[in-house]
C-alpha atoms as a PDB file:
ATOM      1  CA  MET A   1      21.548  13.987  -6.180  1.00  0.00           C
ATOM      2  CA  LEU A   2      19.098  14.000  -9.534  1.00  0.00           C
ATOM      3  CA  THR A   3      18.125  16.212 -12.140  1.00  0.00           C
ATOM      4  CA  MET A   4      14.748  16.889 -13.320  1.00  0.00           C
ATOM      5  CA  SER A   5      15.745  15.150 -16.462  1.00  0.00           C
ATOM      6  CA  ALA A   6      17.328  12.107 -14.320  1.00  0.00           C
ATOM      7  CA  MET A   7      13.941  11.540 -12.844  1.00  0.00           C
ATOM      8  CA  GLU A   8      10.989   9.076 -13.844  1.00  0.00           C
ATOM      9  CA  PRO A   9       7.914  10.450 -14.372  1.00  0.00           C
ATOM     10  CA  ARG A  10       5.564   8.658 -10.942  1.00  0.00           C
ATOM     11  CA  LEU A  11       2.110   7.541 -11.128  1.00  0.00           C
ATOM     12  CA  LYS A  12      -0.119   9.915  -9.394  1.00  0.00           C
ATOM     13  CA  SER A  13      -1.283   8.549  -6.260  1.00  0.00           C
ATOM     14  CA  ARG A  14      -5.239   8.444  -6.668  1.00  0.00           C
ATOM     15  CA  LEU A  15      -4.614   7.365 -10.438  1.00  0.00           C
ATOM     16  CA  TRP A  16      -1.926   3.936  -8.573  1.00  0.00           C
ATOM     17  CA  ILE A  17      -4.619   3.210  -6.143  1.00  0.00           C
ATOM     18  CA  ALA A  18      -8.133   3.210  -9.042  1.00  0.00           C
ATOM     19  CA  ALA A  19      -5.617   0.756 -10.764  1.00  0.00           C
ATOM     20  CA  GLU A  20      -5.162  -1.235  -7.673  1.00  0.00           C
ATOM     21  CA  ILE A  21      -9.253  -1.712  -6.625  1.00  0.00           C
ATOM     22  CA  ARG A  22      -9.481  -2.216 -10.067  1.00  0.00           C
ATOM     23  CA  ARG A  23      -6.768  -5.157 -10.400  1.00  0.00           C
ATOM     24  CA  CYS A  24      -8.249  -6.887  -6.950  1.00  0.00           C
ATOM     25  CA  ALA A  25     -11.613  -6.270  -8.346  1.00  0.00           C
ATOM     26  CA  VAL A  26     -10.904  -8.451 -11.385  1.00  0.00           C
ATOM     27  CA  GLN A  27      -9.595 -11.147  -9.442  1.00  0.00           C
ATOM     28  CA  ASP A  28     -12.698 -11.072  -7.122  1.00  0.00           C
ATOM     29  CA  ILE A  29     -10.939  -8.681  -4.178  1.00  0.00           C
ATOM     30  CA  THR A  30     -12.288  -6.771  -2.038  1.00  0.00           C
ATOM     31  CA  ALA A  31     -10.155  -3.431  -1.724  1.00  0.00           C
ATOM     32  CA  VAL A  32     -11.539  -0.063  -0.284  1.00  0.00           C
ATOM     33  CA  VAL A  33      -9.487   3.453   0.426  1.00  0.00           C
ATOM     34  CA  ALA A  34      -9.745   2.994   4.237  1.00  0.00           C
ATOM     35  CA  ARG A  35      -7.870   6.700   3.933  1.00  0.00           C
ATOM     36  CA  ARG A  36      -7.792   8.991   1.428  1.00  0.00           C
ATOM     37  CA  GLY A  37      -4.610  11.447   1.235  1.00  0.00           C
ATOM     38  CA  ASP A  38      -2.587  13.770  -1.615  1.00  0.00           C
ATOM     39  CA  PRO A  39      -4.162  12.741  -4.707  1.00  0.00           C
ATOM     40  CA  ASP A  40      -0.513  13.582  -6.434  1.00  0.00           C
ATOM     41  CA  ALA A  41       1.899  12.318  -4.349  1.00  0.00           C
ATOM     42  CA  GLY A  42       0.705  10.692  -1.019  1.00  0.00           C
ATOM     43  CA  ALA A  43       2.579   8.313   0.179  1.00  0.00           C
ATOM     44  CA  ILE A  44       0.495   4.696   0.171  1.00  0.00           C
ATOM     45  CA  LEU A  45      -0.091   1.823   2.609  1.00  0.00           C
ATOM     46  CA  LEU A  46      -1.648  -1.653   2.377  1.00  0.00           C
ATOM     47  CA  LYS A  47      -3.633  -3.118   4.785  1.00  0.00           C
ATOM     48  CA  VAL A  48      -3.945  -7.317   3.804  1.00  0.00           C
ATOM     49  CA  ASN A  49      -6.118  -8.359   5.768  1.00  0.00           C
ATOM     50  CA  ARG A  50      -6.078 -11.838   5.561  1.00  0.00           C
ATOM     51  CA  PHE A  51      -8.567 -12.386   8.884  1.00  0.00           C
ATOM     52  CA  ALA A  52      -8.060 -15.607  11.336  1.00  0.00           C
ATOM     53  CA  ALA A  53      -4.239 -15.843   9.262  1.00  0.00           C
ATOM     54  CA  GLY A  54      -3.844 -12.171  10.595  1.00  0.00           C
ATOM     55  CA  CYS A  55      -2.808  -9.119   8.480  1.00  0.00           C
ATOM     56  CA  VAL A  56      -0.021  -7.359   6.882  1.00  0.00           C
ATOM     57  CA  VAL A  57       0.921  -3.858   5.968  1.00  0.00           C
ATOM     58  CA  HIS A  58       3.236  -2.834   3.216  1.00  0.00           C
ATOM     59  CA  GLY A  59       4.594   0.793   2.778  1.00  0.00           C
ATOM     60  CA  GLY A  60       5.444   1.753  -0.439  1.00  0.00           C
ATOM     61  CA  SER A  61       8.417   3.773  -1.525  1.00  0.00           C
ATOM     62  CA  TYR A  62      10.913   4.297  -4.212  1.00  0.00           C
ATOM     63  CA  GLY A  63      13.599   2.724  -4.908  1.00  0.00           C
ATOM     64  CA  ARG A  64      17.185   3.616  -6.486  1.00  0.00           C
ATOM     65  CA  ASP A  65      15.448   3.026 -10.113  1.00  0.00           C
ATOM     66  CA  GLY A  66      12.255   5.120  -9.855  1.00  0.00           C
ATOM     67  CA  GLN A  67      10.468   1.822  -9.492  1.00  0.00           C
ATOM     68  CA  ARG A  68       7.490   1.352  -7.166  1.00  0.00           C
ATOM     69  CA  GLU A  69       8.811  -1.024  -3.879  1.00  0.00           C
ATOM     70  CA  TRP A  70       7.041  -2.508  -0.999  1.00  0.00           C
ATOM     71  CA  ILE A  71       8.650  -3.391   2.311  1.00  0.00           C
ATOM     72  CA  ALA A  72       6.008  -5.170   4.248  1.00  0.00           C
ATOM     73  CA  ALA A  73       6.182  -2.582   7.431  1.00  0.00           C
ATOM     74  CA  THR A  74       3.818  -4.858  10.072  1.00  0.00           C
ATOM     75  CA  GLY A  75       7.041  -7.685   9.776  1.00  0.00           C
ATOM     76  CA  ALA A  76       7.800 -10.648   6.830  1.00  0.00           C
ATOM     77  CA  GLU A  77       5.166 -12.393   9.249  1.00  0.00           C
ATOM     78  CA  PRO A  78       1.207 -11.466   9.616  1.00  0.00           C
ATOM     79  CA  VAL A  79      -0.182  -9.777  12.952  1.00  0.00           C
ATOM     80  CA  PRO A  80      -3.572  -9.673  14.628  1.00  0.00           C
ATOM     81  CA  GLU A  81      -5.121  -6.803  12.759  1.00  0.00           C
ATOM     82  CA  ALA A  82      -5.357  -4.757  15.852  1.00  0.00           C
ATOM     83  CA  ASP A  83      -1.355  -4.577  15.638  1.00  0.00           C
ATOM     84  CA  ALA A  84      -2.087  -3.548  12.048  1.00  0.00           C
ATOM     85  CA  ASP A  85      -4.208  -0.879  12.878  1.00  0.00           C
ATOM     86  CA  ALA A  86      -2.591   0.571  15.742  1.00  0.00           C
ATOM     87  CA  TYR A  87       0.685   0.681  12.698  1.00  0.00           C
ATOM     88  CA  VAL A  88      -1.744   2.265   9.935  1.00  0.00           C
ATOM     89  CA  GLU A  89      -2.493   4.920  12.940  1.00  0.00           C
ATOM     90  CA  ARG A  90       0.593   5.700  14.196  1.00  0.00           C
ATOM     91  CA  ARG A  91       2.030   6.254  10.085  1.00  0.00           C
ATOM     92  CA  ARG A  92      -1.776   8.375  10.118  1.00  0.00           C
ATOM     93  CA  ASP A  93      -0.546  10.999  12.279  1.00  0.00           C
ATOM     94  CA  SER A  94       2.512  11.484  11.067  1.00  0.00           C
ATOM     95  CA  ASP A  95       1.642  12.289   7.231  1.00  0.00           C
ATOM     96  CA  PRO A  96      -1.711  13.612   6.848  1.00  0.00           C
ATOM     97  CA  ASP A  97      -1.336  12.872   3.231  1.00  0.00           C
ATOM     98  CA  LEU A  98      -1.323   9.633   3.711  1.00  0.00           C
ATOM     99  CA  TRP A  99      -3.713   7.197   1.554  1.00  0.00           C
ATOM    100  CA  VAL A 100      -4.460   3.331   3.170  1.00  0.00           C
ATOM    101  CA  LEU A 101      -5.637   1.036   1.203  1.00  0.00           C
ATOM    102  CA  GLU A 102      -7.712  -2.015   3.035  1.00  0.00           C
ATOM    103  CA  ILE A 103      -7.628  -5.440   1.198  1.00  0.00           C
ATOM    104  CA  GLU A 104      -9.720  -8.086   2.213  1.00  0.00           C
ATOM    105  CA  ASP A 105      -8.858 -11.312   1.210  1.00  0.00           C
ATOM    106  CA  PRO A 106      -9.400 -14.846   3.396  1.00  0.00           C
ATOM    107  CA  GLN A 107      -7.968 -16.835   0.685  1.00  0.00           C
ATOM    108  CA  GLY A 108      -4.562 -15.496   0.545  1.00  0.00           C
ATOM    109  CA  ARG A 109      -4.622 -14.732  -3.206  1.00  0.00           C
ATOM    110  CA  TYR A 110      -3.900 -11.158  -3.526  1.00  0.00           C
ATOM    111  CA  THR A 111      -0.121 -10.372  -4.593  1.00  0.00           C
ATOM    112  CA  LEU A 112       1.458  -6.887  -4.988  1.00  0.00           C
ATOM    113  CA  GLY A 113       2.498  -6.136  -8.963  1.00  0.00           C
ATOM    114  CA  GLU A 114       5.761  -4.619  -8.640  1.00  0.00           C
ATOM    115  CA  THR A 115       8.323  -5.647  -5.987  1.00  0.00           C
ATOM    116  CA  VAL A 116       8.122  -6.111  -2.560  1.00  0.00           C
ATOM    117  CA  ALA A 117      11.609  -6.020  -0.231  1.00  0.00           C
END
């Protein structure tokens, strides 16, 4: 069990989203908020759309060390956009605080700045 003194402060969801949009803009990659969640502690999904190459949805969580980690929620291989959208919709239905950030990256340049499990 973690005590308050052992917990690392976490970046608020809205700030992480804003920073990621800016990071994408610097790389000339389009990123848009498809759904706004809880501004402080909402879970985050990243839908990376590579268009003809398919989509990958990453789900964010925190590891044992308190650092943000990402899991390829739709699997390691890209899936059709309809499958990615269906996954996002299921998550949205079960989590009203969920953020969804859509990243359009047909050239495959986008990389997560944090650990991918």
